[in-house]
Structures are given as structure tokens and as C-alpha cells.
Amino acid sequence: MRVFLGMILGALLLVLCVYVYDSQSTSSVANGQNASISRTIVNWDVAAADWHAVKTRVHQDWIRLSSR
């Protein structure tokens, strides 16, 4: 059980660190000449759209399963 908890916490910590790094690296130079040099690691718009699609599908599947 500790191993699974460690994996989950590690994944959450990784996502948090990448988000913080991306938000700091693009906040000051996103519109300047250095924008191509300091690109973000993750395309957060695409990740948000994919997360929304996953949540919608899980919700629809839950409704389908609970209606039986």
C-alpha cells in the first residue's frame, strides 16, 4: 500500500513541479525574442482539454452503469 501511495504522490509532485517551472519560464518572456528558446514542457491547453474529455467520459459511463 505504501508503494502505491508513493507512486501517486510522486506523480502529483512531478506534475506540480513541471507546472511551476512552466509558469515561471513563460511569464516574463512569452512575447519577446526569447519565446522560442524558453518553451514550456507541457502544452497546458491541450492537457486541460484532454482532462475535460476524460472527466466527461467517466461521468457518462458512471451514469450508464448506475442506471442499470
PDB file of N, CA and C in Angstrom:
ATOM      1  N   MET A   1       0.825  -1.193   0.000  1.00  0.00           N
ATOM      2  CA  MET A   1       0.000   0.000   0.000  1.00  0.00           C
ATOM      3  C   MET A   1       0.873   1.262   0.000  1.00  0.00           C
ATOM      4  N   ARG A   2       1.987   1.217   0.715  1.00  0.00           N
ATOM      5  CA  ARG A   2       2.875   2.379   0.744  1.00  0.00           C
ATOM      6  C   ARG A   2       3.488   2.646  -0.625  1.00  0.00           C
ATOM      7  N   VAL A   3       3.731   1.583  -1.372  1.00  0.00           N
ATOM      8  CA  VAL A   3       4.327   1.752  -2.700  1.00  0.00           C
ATOM      9  C   VAL A   3       3.366   2.503  -3.611  1.00  0.00           C
ATOM     10  N   PHE A   4       2.100   2.131  -3.610  1.00  0.00           N
ATOM     11  CA  PHE A   4       1.115   2.817  -4.454  1.00  0.00           C
ATOM     12  C   PHE A   4       0.919   4.262  -4.019  1.00  0.00           C
ATOM     13  N   LEU A   5       0.884   4.505  -2.722  1.00  0.00           N
ATOM     14  CA  LEU A   5       0.766   5.872  -2.224  1.00  0.00           C
ATOM     15  C   LEU A   5       1.983   6.692  -2.650  1.00  0.00           C
ATOM     16  N   GLY A   6       3.168   6.090  -2.587  1.00  0.00           N
ATOM     17  CA  GLY A   6       4.382   6.782  -3.026  1.00  0.00           C
ATOM     18  C   GLY A   6       4.364   7.097  -4.505  1.00  0.00           C
ATOM     19  N   MET A   7       3.852   6.172  -5.318  1.00  0.00           N
ATOM     20  CA  MET A   7       3.764   6.426  -6.763  1.00  0.00           C
ATOM     21  C   MET A   7       2.784   7.554  -7.059  1.00  0.00           C
ATOM     22  N   ILE A   8       1.656   7.552  -6.373  1.00  0.00           N
ATOM     23  CA  ILE A   8       0.661   8.604  -6.601  1.00  0.00           C
ATOM     24  C   ILE A   8       1.206   9.954  -6.161  1.00  0.00           C
ATOM     25  N   LEU A   9       1.819  10.014  -4.990  1.00  0.00           N
ATOM     26  CA  LEU A   9       2.388  11.278  -4.519  1.00  0.00           C
ATOM     27  C   LEU A   9       3.536  11.737  -5.412  1.00  0.00           C
ATOM     28  N   GLY A  10       4.329  10.808  -5.911  1.00  0.00           N
ATOM     29  CA  GLY A  10       5.415  11.165  -6.818  1.00  0.00           C
ATOM     30  C   GLY A  10       4.899  11.746  -8.125  1.00  0.00           C
ATOM     31  N   ALA A  11       3.845  11.151  -8.663  1.00  0.00           N
ATOM     32  CA  ALA A  11       3.262  11.665  -9.903  1.00  0.00           C
ATOM     33  C   ALA A  11       2.678  13.059  -9.690  1.00  0.00           C
ATOM     34  N   LEU A  12       1.997  13.260  -8.574  1.00  0.00           N
ATOM     35  CA  LEU A  12       1.435  14.577  -8.280  1.00  0.00           C
ATOM     36  C   LEU A  12       2.534  15.619  -8.087  1.00  0.00           C
ATOM     37  N   LEU A  13       3.609  15.239  -7.407  1.00  0.00           N
ATOM     38  CA  LEU A  13       4.729  16.149  -7.208  1.00  0.00           C
ATOM     39  C   LEU A  13       5.399  16.495  -8.531  1.00  0.00           C
ATOM     40  N   LEU A  14       5.530  15.529  -9.420  1.00  0.00           N
ATOM     41  CA  LEU A  14       6.114  15.776 -10.735  1.00  0.00           C
ATOM     42  C   LEU A  14       5.273  16.760 -11.535  1.00  0.00           C
ATOM     43  N   VAL A  15       3.961  16.554 -11.567  1.00  0.00           N
ATOM     44  CA  VAL A  15       3.081  17.459 -12.310  1.00  0.00           C
ATOM     45  C   VAL A  15       3.136  18.862 -11.710  1.00  0.00           C
ATOM     46  N   LEU A  16       3.151  18.962 -10.394  1.00  0.00           N
ATOM     47  CA  LEU A  16       3.218  20.268  -9.742  1.00  0.00           C
ATOM     48  C   LEU A  16       4.518  20.990 -10.083  1.00  0.00           C
ATOM     49  N   CYS A  17       5.636  20.274 -10.040  1.00  0.00           N
ATOM     50  CA  CYS A  17       6.927  20.891 -10.350  1.00  0.00           C
ATOM     51  C   CYS A  17       7.001  21.343 -11.802  1.00  0.00           C
ATOM     52  N   VAL A  18       6.493  20.537 -12.723  1.00  0.00           N
ATOM     53  CA  VAL A  18       6.505  20.921 -14.139  1.00  0.00           C
ATOM     54  C   VAL A  18       5.613  22.138 -14.357  1.00  0.00           C
ATOM     55  N   TYR A  19       4.463  22.170 -13.695  1.00  0.00           N
ATOM     56  CA  TYR A  19       3.563  23.317 -13.841  1.00  0.00           C
ATOM     57  C   TYR A  19       4.225  24.598 -13.324  1.00  0.00           C
ATOM     58  N   VAL A  20       4.865  24.509 -12.173  1.00  0.00           N
ATOM     59  CA  VAL A  20       5.537  25.688 -11.604  1.00  0.00           C
ATOM     60  C   VAL A  20       6.672  26.136 -12.523  1.00  0.00           C
ATOM     61  N   TYR A  21       7.455  25.198 -13.027  1.00  0.00           N
ATOM     62  CA  TYR A  21       8.550  25.546 -13.932  1.00  0.00           C
ATOM     63  C   TYR A  21       8.019  26.227 -15.192  1.00  0.00           C
ATOM     64  N   ASP A  22       6.969  25.664 -15.779  1.00  0.00           N
ATOM     65  CA  ASP A  22       6.392  26.239 -16.992  1.00  0.00           C
ATOM     66  C   ASP A  22       5.818  27.622 -16.731  1.00  0.00           C
ATOM     67  N   SER A  23       5.137  27.802 -15.618  1.00  0.00           N
ATOM     68  CA  SER A  23       4.531  29.103 -15.354  1.00  0.00           C
ATOM     69  C   SER A  23       5.595  30.165 -15.090  1.00  0.00           C
ATOM     70  N   GLN A  24       6.713  29.799 -14.517  1.00  0.00           N
ATOM     71  CA  GLN A  24       7.774  30.780 -14.280  1.00  0.00           C
ATOM     72  C   GLN A  24       8.585  31.062 -15.536  1.00  0.00           C
ATOM     73  N   SER A  25       8.778  30.066 -16.377  1.00  0.00           N
ATOM     74  CA  SER A  25       9.622  30.279 -17.554  1.00  0.00           C
ATOM     75  C   SER A  25       8.915  31.065 -18.645  1.00  0.00           C
ATOM     76  N   THR A  26       7.605  31.054 -18.690  1.00  0.00           N
ATOM     77  CA  THR A  26       6.902  31.762 -19.762  1.00  0.00           C
ATOM     78  C   THR A  26       6.276  33.068 -19.312  1.00  0.00           C
ATOM     79  N   SER A  27       6.316  33.367 -18.029  1.00  0.00           N
ATOM     80  CA  SER A  27       5.618  34.558 -17.570  1.00  0.00           C
ATOM     81  C   SER A  27       6.281  35.840 -18.038  1.00  0.00           C
ATOM     82  N   SER A  28       7.610  35.888 -18.112  1.00  0.00           N
ATOM     83  CA  SER A  28       8.263  37.144 -18.449  1.00  0.00           C
ATOM     84  C   SER A  28       8.732  37.234 -19.896  1.00  0.00           C
ATOM     85  N   VAL A  29       8.921  36.117 -20.575  1.00  0.00           N
ATOM     86  CA  VAL A  29       9.481  36.176 -21.918  1.00  0.00           C
ATOM     87  C   VAL A  29       8.591  35.528 -22.967  1.00  0.00           C
ATOM     88  N   ALA A  30       7.342  35.341 -22.686  1.00  0.00           N
ATOM     89  CA  ALA A  30       6.468  34.631 -23.626  1.00  0.00           C
ATOM     90  C   ALA A  30       6.241  35.420 -24.909  1.00  0.00           C
ATOM     91  N   ASN A  31       6.341  36.730 -24.852  1.00  0.00           N
ATOM     92  CA  ASN A  31       6.048  37.531 -26.041  1.00  0.00           C
ATOM     93  C   ASN A  31       7.293  38.123 -26.685  1.00  0.00           C
ATOM     94  N   GLY A  32       8.463  37.908 -26.125  1.00  0.00           N
ATOM     95  CA  GLY A  32       9.678  38.524 -26.650  1.00  0.00           C
ATOM     96  C   GLY A  32      10.426  37.636 -27.618  1.00  0.00           C
ATOM     97  N   GLN A  33      11.682  38.019 -27.879  1.00  0.00           N
ATOM     98  CA  GLN A  33      12.518  37.261 -28.800  1.00  0.00           C
ATOM     99  C   GLN A  33      12.874  35.893 -28.236  1.00  0.00           C
ATOM    100  N   ASN A  34      12.954  35.779 -26.949  1.00  0.00           N
ATOM    101  CA  ASN A  34      13.367  34.531 -26.322  1.00  0.00           C
ATOM    102  C   ASN A  34      12.229  33.538 -26.158  1.00  0.00           C
ATOM    103  N   ALA A  35      11.082  33.813 -26.732  1.00  0.00           N
ATOM    104  CA  ALA A  35       9.929  32.927 -26.555  1.00  0.00           C
ATOM    105  C   ALA A  35      10.187  31.548 -27.155  1.00  0.00           C
ATOM    106  N   SER A  36      10.910  31.492 -28.247  1.00  0.00           N
ATOM    107  CA  SER A  36      11.191  30.184 -28.844  1.00  0.00           C
ATOM    108  C   SER A  36      12.257  29.430 -28.064  1.00  0.00           C
ATOM    109  N   ILE A  37      13.109  30.125 -27.349  1.00  0.00           N
ATOM    110  CA  ILE A  37      14.168  29.486 -26.573  1.00  0.00           C
ATOM    111  C   ILE A  37      13.603  28.853 -25.298  1.00  0.00           C
ATOM    112  N   SER A  38      12.759  29.573 -24.595  1.00  0.00           N
ATOM    113  CA  SER A  38      12.223  29.057 -23.335  1.00  0.00           C
ATOM    114  C   SER A  38      10.792  28.568 -23.527  1.00  0.00           C
ATOM    115  N   ARG A  39      10.663  27.460 -24.206  1.00  0.00           N
ATOM    116  CA  ARG A  39       9.344  26.883 -24.460  1.00  0.00           C
ATOM    117  C   ARG A  39       8.896  26.097 -23.245  1.00  0.00           C
ATOM    118  N   THR A  40       7.602  25.945 -23.112  1.00  0.00           N
ATOM    119  CA  THR A  40       7.064  25.167 -21.990  1.00  0.00           C
ATOM    120  C   THR A  40       7.279  23.683 -22.231  1.00  0.00           C
ATOM    121  N   ILE A  41       7.288  22.938 -21.150  1.00  0.00           N
ATOM    122  CA  ILE A  41       7.449  21.494 -21.232  1.00  0.00           C
ATOM    123  C   ILE A  41       6.144  20.847 -21.677  1.00  0.00           C
ATOM    124  N   VAL A  42       5.038  21.345 -21.147  1.00  0.00           N
ATOM    125  CA  VAL A  42       3.717  20.764 -21.403  1.00  0.00           C
ATOM    126  C   VAL A  42       2.826  21.813 -22.060  1.00  0.00           C
ATOM    127  N   ASN A  43       2.046  21.408 -23.046  1.00  0.00           N
ATOM    128  CA  ASN A  43       1.050  22.284 -23.644  1.00  0.00           C
ATOM    129  C   ASN A  43      -0.192  22.198 -22.762  1.00  0.00           C
ATOM    130  N   TRP A  44      -0.355  23.145 -21.871  1.00  0.00           N
ATOM    131  CA  TRP A  44      -1.384  23.055 -20.828  1.00  0.00           C
ATOM    132  C   TRP A  44      -2.786  23.192 -21.384  1.00  0.00           C
ATOM    133  N   ASP A  45      -2.956  23.863 -22.521  1.00  0.00           N
ATOM    134  CA  ASP A  45      -4.294  23.960 -23.126  1.00  0.00           C
ATOM    135  C   ASP A  45      -4.759  22.588 -23.608  1.00  0.00           C
ATOM    136  N   VAL A  46      -3.869  21.850 -24.235  1.00  0.00           N
ATOM    137  CA  VAL A  46      -4.216  20.515 -24.711  1.00  0.00           C
ATOM    138  C   VAL A  46      -4.451  19.577 -23.529  1.00  0.00           C
ATOM    139  N   ALA A  47      -3.618  19.695 -22.504  1.00  0.00           N
ATOM    140  CA  ALA A  47      -3.794  18.851 -21.319  1.00  0.00           C
ATOM    141  C   ALA A  47      -5.134  19.131 -20.644  1.00  0.00           C
ATOM    142  N   ALA A  48      -5.544  20.392 -20.578  1.00  0.00           N
ATOM    143  CA  ALA A  48      -6.831  20.737 -19.976  1.00  0.00           C
ATOM    144  C   ALA A  48      -7.993  20.188 -20.809  1.00  0.00           C
ATOM    145  N   ALA A  49      -7.878  20.269 -22.122  1.00  0.00           N
ATOM    146  CA  ALA A  49      -8.935  19.738 -22.981  1.00  0.00           C
ATOM    147  C   ALA A  49      -9.036  18.216 -22.851  1.00  0.00           C
ATOM    148  N   ASP A  50      -7.887  17.545 -22.794  1.00  0.00           N
ATOM    149  CA  ASP A  50      -7.900  16.090 -22.617  1.00  0.00           C
ATOM    150  C   ASP A  50      -8.475  15.704 -21.259  1.00  0.00           C
ATOM    151  N   TRP A  51      -8.131  16.447 -20.209  1.00  0.00           N
ATOM    152  CA  TRP A  51      -8.653  16.160 -18.875  1.00  0.00           C
ATOM    153  C   TRP A  51     -10.167  16.341 -18.849  1.00  0.00           C
ATOM    154  N   HIS A  52     -10.664  17.379 -19.532  1.00  0.00           N
ATOM    155  CA  HIS A  52     -12.103  17.601 -19.600  1.00  0.00           C
ATOM    156  C   HIS A  52     -12.794  16.451 -20.336  1.00  0.00           C
ATOM    157  N   ALA A  53     -12.171  15.957 -21.401  1.00  0.00           N
ATOM    158  CA  ALA A  53     -12.742  14.832 -22.149  1.00  0.00           C
ATOM    159  C   ALA A  53     -12.785  13.573 -21.287  1.00  0.00           C
ATOM    160  N   VAL A  54     -11.739  13.344 -20.502  1.00  0.00           N
ATOM    161  CA  VAL A  54     -11.710  12.177 -19.613  1.00  0.00           C
ATOM    162  C   VAL A  54     -12.801  12.284 -18.561  1.00  0.00           C
ATOM    163  N   LYS A  55     -12.944  13.463 -17.949  1.00  0.00           N
ATOM    164  CA  LYS A  55     -13.974  13.647 -16.923  1.00  0.00           C
ATOM    165  C   LYS A  55     -15.367  13.447 -17.495  1.00  0.00           C
ATOM    166  N   THR A  56     -15.610  13.956 -18.713  1.00  0.00           N
ATOM    167  CA  THR A  56     -16.912  13.801 -19.349  1.00  0.00           C
ATOM    168  C   THR A  56     -17.210  12.338 -19.642  1.00  0.00           C
ATOM    169  N   ARG A  57     -16.225  11.630 -20.144  1.00  0.00           N
ATOM    170  CA  ARG A  57     -16.438  10.209 -20.458  1.00  0.00           C
ATOM    171  C   ARG A  57     -16.681   9.386 -19.200  1.00  0.00           C
ATOM    172  N   VAL A  58     -15.937   9.652 -18.138  1.00  0.00           N
ATOM    173  CA  VAL A  58     -16.141   8.928 -16.877  1.00  0.00           C
ATOM    174  C   VAL A  58     -17.527   9.217 -16.329  1.00  0.00           C
ATOM    175  N   HIS A  59     -17.960  10.469 -16.413  1.00  0.00           N
ATOM    176  CA  HIS A  59     -19.292  10.837 -15.930  1.00  0.00           C
ATOM    177  C   HIS A  59     -20.378  10.115 -16.736  1.00  0.00           C
ATOM    178  N   GLN A  60     -20.230  10.074 -18.050  1.00  0.00           N
ATOM    179  CA  GLN A  60     -21.212   9.383 -18.886  1.00  0.00           C
ATOM    180  C   GLN A  60     -21.228   7.880 -18.603  1.00  0.00           C
ATOM    181  N   ASP A  61     -20.064   7.287 -18.424  1.00  0.00           N
ATOM    182  CA  ASP A  61     -20.001   5.861 -18.101  1.00  0.00           C
ATOM    183  C   ASP A  61     -20.609   5.577 -16.734  1.00  0.00           C
ATOM    184  N   TRP A  62     -20.388   6.475 -15.777  1.00  0.00           N
ATOM    185  CA  TRP A  62     -20.971   6.295 -14.446  1.00  0.00           C
ATOM    186  C   TRP A  62     -22.493   6.348 -14.512  1.00  0.00           C
ATOM    187  N   ILE A  63     -23.025   7.270 -15.302  1.00  0.00           N
ATOM    188  CA  ILE A  63     -24.481   7.371 -15.449  1.00  0.00           C
ATOM    189  C   ILE A  63     -25.015   6.104 -16.108  1.00  0.00           C
ATOM    190  N   ARG A  64     -24.322   5.616 -17.130  1.00  0.00           N
ATOM    191  CA  ARG A  64     -24.763   4.394 -17.812  1.00  0.00           C
ATOM    192  C   ARG A  64     -24.725   3.206 -16.875  1.00  0.00           C
ATOM    193  N   LEU A  65     -23.680   3.072 -16.073  1.00  0.00           N
ATOM    194  CA  LEU A  65     -23.577   1.930 -15.158  1.00  0.00           C
ATOM    195  C   LEU A  65     -24.548   2.028 -13.986  1.00  0.00           C
ATOM    196  N   SER A  66     -24.771   3.229 -13.486  1.00  0.00           N
ATOM    197  CA  SER A  66     -25.656   3.367 -12.327  1.00  0.00           C
ATOM    198  C   SER A  66     -27.142   3.271 -12.705  1.00  0.00           C
ATOM    199  N   SER A  67     -27.465   3.425 -13.981  1.00  0.00           N
ATOM    200  CA  SER A  67     -28.860   3.333 -14.397  1.00  0.00           C
ATOM    201  C   SER A  67     -29.331   1.887 -14.549  1.00  0.00           C
ATOM    202  N   ARG A  68     -28.440   0.946 -14.480  1.00  0.00           N
ATOM    203  CA  ARG A  68     -28.812  -0.467 -14.635  1.00  0.00           C
ATOM    204  C   ARG A  68     -29.474  -1.007 -13.416  1.00  0.00           C
TER     205      ARG A  68
END
